[in-house]
């Protein structure tokens, strides 16, 4: 099991940027395929982005492509989500998640991820 702690959320105006950070501890971080999900009020948790163990392969939801960038630093046990051109519809609690194989069968499937952080609130004002 790996422990995950998100940070970096906040309130920004539409068009602004935020950088979320997920700090991992407890196991060898580089063994984990990592993902970001989000959940808006009244909605199901949805996939945002994911990154392979080496960082070479990256995956994005269509709604965030060209605006969000996922990255990781295995030496620091960190995964990041750089969010640019933010929109009010990006408002949600953002969660970091870990999957312990090279790649989940369904990258965007939240049931594929077995360790989760507590989430960080992102609010975008119009």
Protein backbone atom coordinates (compact mmCIF):
# COMPACT_ATOMS: atom_id res chain seq x y z
CA UNK A 1 0.00 0.00 0.00
CA UNK A 2 1.14 3.53 -0.75
CA UNK A 3 -0.02 6.64 1.12
CA UNK A 4 -0.95 9.62 -1.02
CA UNK A 5 -1.38 13.27 0.00
CA UNK A 6 -2.60 15.90 -2.44
CA UNK A 7 -2.00 19.62 -2.18
CA UNK A 8 -2.12 22.74 -4.31
CA UNK A 9 -5.84 23.22 -4.70
CA UNK A 10 -7.53 26.56 -4.27
CA UNK A 11 -9.78 29.23 -5.74
CA UNK A 12 -8.77 30.84 -9.04
CA UNK A 13 -10.51 32.78 -11.77
CA UNK A 14 -11.38 31.24 -15.10
CA UNK A 15 -8.37 31.27 -17.40
CA UNK A 16 -5.97 30.89 -14.51
CA UNK A 17 -3.62 28.09 -13.57
CA UNK A 18 -2.97 25.75 -10.67
CA UNK A 19 -0.43 23.04 -10.01
CA UNK A 20 -1.51 20.08 -7.94
CA UNK A 21 1.01 17.92 -6.15
CA UNK A 22 0.64 14.37 -4.87
CA UNK A 23 3.23 13.15 -2.38
CA UNK A 24 3.60 9.39 -2.03
CA UNK A 25 5.08 7.33 0.78
CA UNK A 26 5.16 3.78 2.06
CA UNK A 27 6.25 1.75 -0.96
CA UNK A 28 8.57 2.08 -3.96
CA UNK A 29 6.87 4.90 -5.83
CA UNK A 30 8.38 4.04 -9.20
CA UNK A 31 6.51 0.72 -9.15
CA UNK A 32 3.18 2.53 -9.41
CA UNK A 33 1.20 3.71 -12.41
CA UNK A 34 -0.37 6.98 -11.23
CA UNK A 35 -3.59 8.79 -12.02
CA UNK A 36 -5.57 11.91 -11.23
CA UNK A 37 -9.34 11.84 -10.91
CA UNK A 38 -11.88 14.48 -9.95
CA UNK A 39 -15.35 14.57 -8.50
CA UNK A 40 -17.75 17.48 -8.79
CA UNK A 41 -20.77 17.83 -6.48
CA UNK A 42 -23.53 15.44 -7.47
CA UNK A 43 -21.38 13.72 -10.08
CA UNK A 44 -19.39 10.53 -10.27
CA UNK A 45 -15.63 10.51 -9.90
CA UNK A 46 -14.08 10.85 -13.33
CA UNK A 47 -10.69 10.25 -14.89
CA UNK A 48 -8.50 13.28 -15.58
CA UNK A 49 -4.99 12.06 -16.41
CA UNK A 50 -2.54 9.22 -15.85
CA UNK A 51 1.15 8.54 -16.23
CA UNK A 52 3.21 5.40 -16.60
CA UNK A 53 5.81 4.31 -14.08
CA UNK A 54 8.66 5.76 -16.11
CA UNK A 55 6.75 8.91 -17.03
CA UNK A 56 7.10 8.24 -20.75
CA UNK A 57 3.43 7.46 -21.42
CA UNK A 58 0.71 9.95 -20.48
CA UNK A 59 -3.04 9.74 -20.84
CA UNK A 60 -5.69 12.46 -20.67
CA UNK A 61 -9.43 12.83 -20.64
CA UNK A 62 -10.66 14.65 -23.74
CA UNK A 63 -12.01 17.46 -21.56
CA UNK A 64 -8.54 18.40 -20.30
CA UNK A 65 -6.28 17.65 -23.28
CA UNK A 66 -4.09 20.58 -24.31
CA UNK A 67 -4.82 22.29 -20.96
CA UNK A 68 -3.55 19.89 -18.29
CA UNK A 69 -0.16 18.19 -18.03
CA UNK A 70 0.66 15.25 -15.77
CA UNK A 71 4.25 14.58 -14.72
CA UNK A 72 6.15 12.73 -12.03
CA UNK A 73 9.46 12.81 -10.22
CA UNK A 74 10.33 9.33 -8.99
CA UNK A 75 13.34 10.60 -7.05
CA UNK A 76 11.02 12.82 -4.98
CA UNK A 77 8.04 10.41 -4.88
CA UNK A 78 5.84 13.09 -6.42
CA UNK A 79 3.27 13.30 -9.18
CA UNK A 80 2.02 16.64 -10.48
CA UNK A 81 -0.93 18.00 -12.41
CA UNK A 82 -0.34 21.34 -14.08
CA UNK A 83 -3.70 22.86 -14.95
CA UNK A 84 -3.88 25.82 -17.34
CA UNK A 85 -6.75 27.70 -18.96
CA UNK A 86 -9.02 26.62 -16.15
CA UNK A 87 -12.77 26.68 -16.63
CA UNK A 88 -15.64 26.77 -14.12
CA UNK A 89 -16.47 23.19 -15.14
CA UNK A 90 -13.07 22.10 -13.80
CA UNK A 91 -14.35 22.80 -10.28
CA UNK A 92 -14.12 19.57 -8.29
CA UNK A 93 -12.23 17.69 -5.63
CA UNK A 94 -9.11 16.28 -7.27
CA UNK A 95 -7.75 12.91 -6.18
CA UNK A 96 -4.44 11.21 -6.73
CA UNK A 97 -4.56 7.44 -7.22
CA UNK A 98 -2.08 4.58 -7.55
CA UNK A 99 -2.12 1.31 -9.49
CA UNK A 100 0.49 -1.37 -8.82
CA UNK A 101 1.26 -2.79 -12.26
CA UNK A 102 2.86 -1.44 -15.41
CA UNK A 103 -0.52 -0.31 -16.77
CA UNK A 104 -4.14 -0.78 -15.74
CA UNK A 105 -6.36 -2.74 -18.11
CA UNK A 106 -8.56 0.35 -18.30
CA UNK A 107 -6.45 3.43 -17.63
CA UNK A 108 -9.50 5.59 -16.96
CA UNK A 109 -11.23 3.03 -14.78
CA UNK A 110 -11.36 4.22 -11.20
CA UNK A 111 -11.79 0.65 -9.95
CA UNK A 112 -8.34 -0.13 -11.33
CA UNK A 113 -6.71 2.09 -8.72
CA UNK A 114 -6.42 0.75 -5.20
CA UNK A 115 -4.75 3.55 -3.24
CA UNK A 116 -6.25 7.04 -3.05
CA UNK A 117 -5.44 10.34 -1.45
CA UNK A 118 -7.91 12.44 0.53
CA UNK A 119 -8.39 14.96 -2.27
CA UNK A 120 -7.82 18.67 -2.75
CA UNK A 121 -10.53 21.18 -3.64
CA UNK A 122 -10.22 23.16 -6.86
CA UNK A 123 -12.72 25.96 -7.42
CA UNK A 124 -12.82 28.04 -10.59
CA UNK A 125 -14.82 31.26 -10.55
CA UNK A 126 -16.33 32.71 -13.71
